[in-house]
Amino acid sequence: MQSPSMQEHTIYQAHPNMGHSLKSARDHLHHVCRQHVNRYVRVETLDGDVFEGIIVHCDKGILYLKIPSKSGRRSFSQNVYNDVILPLVLYELLVITLMLL
């Protein structure tokens, strides 16, 4: 909530076409990812980060990638696994490669 004495000053506004382009790219990636749930993939982000794992879910612009533990061992408790679910923003993804095992 804004105080009556405060003024607003926009410091960034996206180009008018950018919103449509981002939504289109997000919707396309969402469709692709939903078709490949439970598949092992390699994902590369715009920043050059690379992750390998299994697509477990895709919803509201987020890809959820299960990164299997390298050791295959469990944590201190038998009920806790070392696998990590990594949320990735769809519009930051550059490449998704299906890994055939």
C-alpha atoms as a PDB file:
ATOM      1  CA  MET A   1       0.000   0.000   0.000  1.00  0.00           C
ATOM      2  CA  GLN A   2       1.314   3.392  -0.954  1.00  0.00           C
ATOM      3  CA  SER A   3       1.315   6.430   1.297  1.00  0.00           C
ATOM      4  CA  PRO A   4      -0.476   9.512  -0.148  1.00  0.00           C
ATOM      5  CA  SER A   5       2.770  11.504   0.129  1.00  0.00           C
ATOM      6  CA  MET A   6       4.857   8.956  -1.845  1.00  0.00           C
ATOM      7  CA  GLN A   7       5.445   9.325  -5.568  1.00  0.00           C
ATOM      8  CA  GLU A   8       6.029   6.511  -8.047  1.00  0.00           C
ATOM      9  CA  HIS A   9       8.877   6.504 -10.527  1.00  0.00           C
ATOM     10  CA  THR A  10       9.097   3.690 -13.095  1.00  0.00           C
ATOM     11  CA  ILE A  11      12.692   2.476 -13.380  1.00  0.00           C
ATOM     12  CA  TYR A  12      12.057  -0.266 -15.973  1.00  0.00           C
ATOM     13  CA  GLN A  13       9.295  -1.082 -18.405  1.00  0.00           C
ATOM     14  CA  ALA A  14       9.523  -3.920 -20.923  1.00  0.00           C
ATOM     15  CA  HIS A  15       9.144  -3.224 -24.615  1.00  0.00           C
ATOM     16  CA  PRO A  16       5.435  -3.650 -25.534  1.00  0.00           C
ATOM     17  CA  ASN A  17       6.150  -6.697 -27.764  1.00  0.00           C
ATOM     18  CA  MET A  18       8.312  -8.397 -25.129  1.00  0.00           C
ATOM     19  CA  GLY A  19       5.369  -9.498 -22.987  1.00  0.00           C
ATOM     20  CA  HIS A  20       3.740 -11.288 -25.918  1.00  0.00           C
ATOM     21  CA  SER A  21       7.047 -12.886 -26.992  1.00  0.00           C
ATOM     22  CA  LEU A  22       7.849 -14.132 -23.481  1.00  0.00           C
ATOM     23  CA  LYS A  23       4.348 -15.540 -22.993  1.00  0.00           C
ATOM     24  CA  SER A  24       4.499 -17.298 -26.360  1.00  0.00           C
ATOM     25  CA  ALA A  25       7.911 -18.835 -25.561  1.00  0.00           C
ATOM     26  CA  ARG A  26       6.746 -19.853 -22.062  1.00  0.00           C
ATOM     27  CA  ASP A  27       3.583 -21.493 -23.402  1.00  0.00           C
ATOM     28  CA  HIS A  28       5.552 -23.404 -26.056  1.00  0.00           C
ATOM     29  CA  LEU A  29       8.120 -24.637 -23.515  1.00  0.00           C
ATOM     30  CA  HIS A  30       5.340 -25.590 -21.110  1.00  0.00           C
ATOM     31  CA  HIS A  31       3.753 -27.757 -23.820  1.00  0.00           C
ATOM     32  CA  VAL A  32       7.089 -29.397 -24.706  1.00  0.00           C
ATOM     33  CA  CYS A  33       7.977 -30.076 -21.052  1.00  0.00           C
ATOM     34  CA  ARG A  34       4.545 -31.527 -20.232  1.00  0.00           C
ATOM     35  CA  GLN A  35       4.996 -33.997 -23.092  1.00  0.00           C
ATOM     36  CA  HIS A  36       8.296 -35.188 -21.609  1.00  0.00           C
ATOM     37  CA  VAL A  37       7.435 -35.602 -17.917  1.00  0.00           C
ATOM     38  CA  ASN A  38       9.370 -38.503 -16.348  1.00  0.00           C
ATOM     39  CA  ARG A  39      12.032 -38.309 -19.071  1.00  0.00           C
ATOM     40  CA  TYR A  40      15.738 -37.732 -18.472  1.00  0.00           C
ATOM     41  CA  VAL A  41      16.920 -34.450 -20.023  1.00  0.00           C
ATOM     42  CA  ARG A  42      19.817 -32.014 -20.112  1.00  0.00           C
ATOM     43  CA  VAL A  43      18.795 -28.373 -19.674  1.00  0.00           C
ATOM     44  CA  GLU A  44      20.921 -25.354 -20.523  1.00  0.00           C
ATOM     45  CA  THR A  45      19.943 -21.899 -19.260  1.00  0.00           C
ATOM     46  CA  LEU A  46      20.557 -18.501 -20.859  1.00  0.00           C
ATOM     47  CA  ASP A  47      23.394 -17.989 -18.355  1.00  0.00           C
ATOM     48  CA  GLY A  48      25.163 -21.154 -19.540  1.00  0.00           C
ATOM     49  CA  ASP A  49      24.296 -23.344 -16.528  1.00  0.00           C
ATOM     50  CA  VAL A  50      23.704 -26.987 -17.455  1.00  0.00           C
ATOM     51  CA  PHE A  51      21.616 -29.447 -15.429  1.00  0.00           C
ATOM     52  CA  GLU A  52      20.733 -33.084 -16.058  1.00  0.00           C
ATOM     53  CA  GLY A  53      17.745 -34.741 -14.475  1.00  0.00           C
ATOM     54  CA  ILE A  54      14.203 -35.986 -14.826  1.00  0.00           C
ATOM     55  CA  ILE A  55      11.310 -33.659 -15.587  1.00  0.00           C
ATOM     56  CA  VAL A  56       8.865 -34.229 -12.737  1.00  0.00           C
ATOM     57  CA  HIS A  57       6.415 -31.370 -13.301  1.00  0.00           C
ATOM     58  CA  CYS A  58       5.813 -28.205 -15.288  1.00  0.00           C
ATOM     59  CA  ASP A  59       3.400 -25.550 -14.070  1.00  0.00           C
ATOM     60  CA  LYS A  60       2.936 -21.762 -14.191  1.00  0.00           C
ATOM     61  CA  GLY A  61       6.165 -21.057 -16.046  1.00  0.00           C
ATOM     62  CA  ILE A  62       8.340 -23.325 -13.886  1.00  0.00           C
ATOM     63  CA  LEU A  63      10.029 -26.599 -14.881  1.00  0.00           C
ATOM     64  CA  TYR A  64      10.689 -28.920 -11.931  1.00  0.00           C
ATOM     65  CA  LEU A  65      13.762 -31.048 -12.607  1.00  0.00           C
ATOM     66  CA  LYS A  66      14.716 -33.931 -10.295  1.00  0.00           C
ATOM     67  CA  ILE A  67      18.488 -34.060  -9.980  1.00  0.00           C
ATOM     68  CA  PRO A  68      19.444 -37.582  -8.865  1.00  0.00           C
ATOM     69  CA  SER A  69      22.074 -37.894  -6.157  1.00  0.00           C
ATOM     70  CA  LYS A  70      25.439 -38.937  -7.533  1.00  0.00           C
ATOM     71  CA  SER A  71      26.228 -41.247  -4.636  1.00  0.00           C
ATOM     72  CA  GLY A  72      22.890 -43.022  -4.571  1.00  0.00           C
ATOM     73  CA  ARG A  73      23.181 -43.023  -0.772  1.00  0.00           C
ATOM     74  CA  ARG A  74      20.560 -41.728   1.583  1.00  0.00           C
ATOM     75  CA  SER A  75      21.018 -38.923   4.082  1.00  0.00           C
ATOM     76  CA  PHE A  76      21.206 -39.367   7.857  1.00  0.00           C
ATOM     77  CA  SER A  77      17.592 -40.528   7.970  1.00  0.00           C
ATOM     78  CA  GLN A  78      16.387 -43.504   5.947  1.00  0.00           C
ATOM     79  CA  ASN A  79      13.308 -41.465   4.935  1.00  0.00           C
ATOM     80  CA  VAL A  80      15.216 -38.558   3.360  1.00  0.00           C
ATOM     81  CA  TYR A  81      16.712 -38.908  -0.112  1.00  0.00           C
ATOM     82  CA  ASN A  82      19.594 -36.909  -1.539  1.00  0.00           C
ATOM     83  CA  ASP A  83      17.677 -36.215  -4.769  1.00  0.00           C
ATOM     84  CA  VAL A  84      16.907 -32.534  -5.281  1.00  0.00           C
ATOM     85  CA  ILE A  85      13.971 -30.960  -7.131  1.00  0.00           C
ATOM     86  CA  LEU A  86      15.309 -27.917  -8.962  1.00  0.00           C
ATOM     87  CA  PRO A  87      12.762 -25.299 -10.123  1.00  0.00           C
ATOM     88  CA  LEU A  88      13.787 -23.584 -13.371  1.00  0.00           C
ATOM     89  CA  VAL A  89      12.001 -20.615 -14.959  1.00  0.00           C
ATOM     90  CA  LEU A  90      10.854 -21.611 -18.462  1.00  0.00           C
ATOM     91  CA  TYR A  91      11.777 -18.371 -20.220  1.00  0.00           C
ATOM     92  CA  GLU A  92      15.379 -18.666 -18.985  1.00  0.00           C
ATOM     93  CA  LEU A  93      15.879 -22.026 -20.697  1.00  0.00           C
ATOM     94  CA  LEU A  94      17.918 -22.054 -23.873  1.00  0.00           C
ATOM     95  CA  VAL A  95      18.159 -25.767 -24.710  1.00  0.00           C
ATOM     96  CA  ILE A  96      16.372 -28.906 -23.493  1.00  0.00           C
ATOM     97  CA  THR A  97      17.929 -32.122 -24.779  1.00  0.00           C
ATOM     98  CA  LEU A  98      16.212 -35.486 -24.377  1.00  0.00           C
ATOM     99  CA  MET A  99      18.780 -38.012 -23.139  1.00  0.00           C
ATOM    100  CA  LEU A 100      18.209 -41.486 -24.513  1.00  0.00           C
ATOM    101  CA  LEU A 101      19.351 -44.208 -22.141  1.00  0.00           C
END
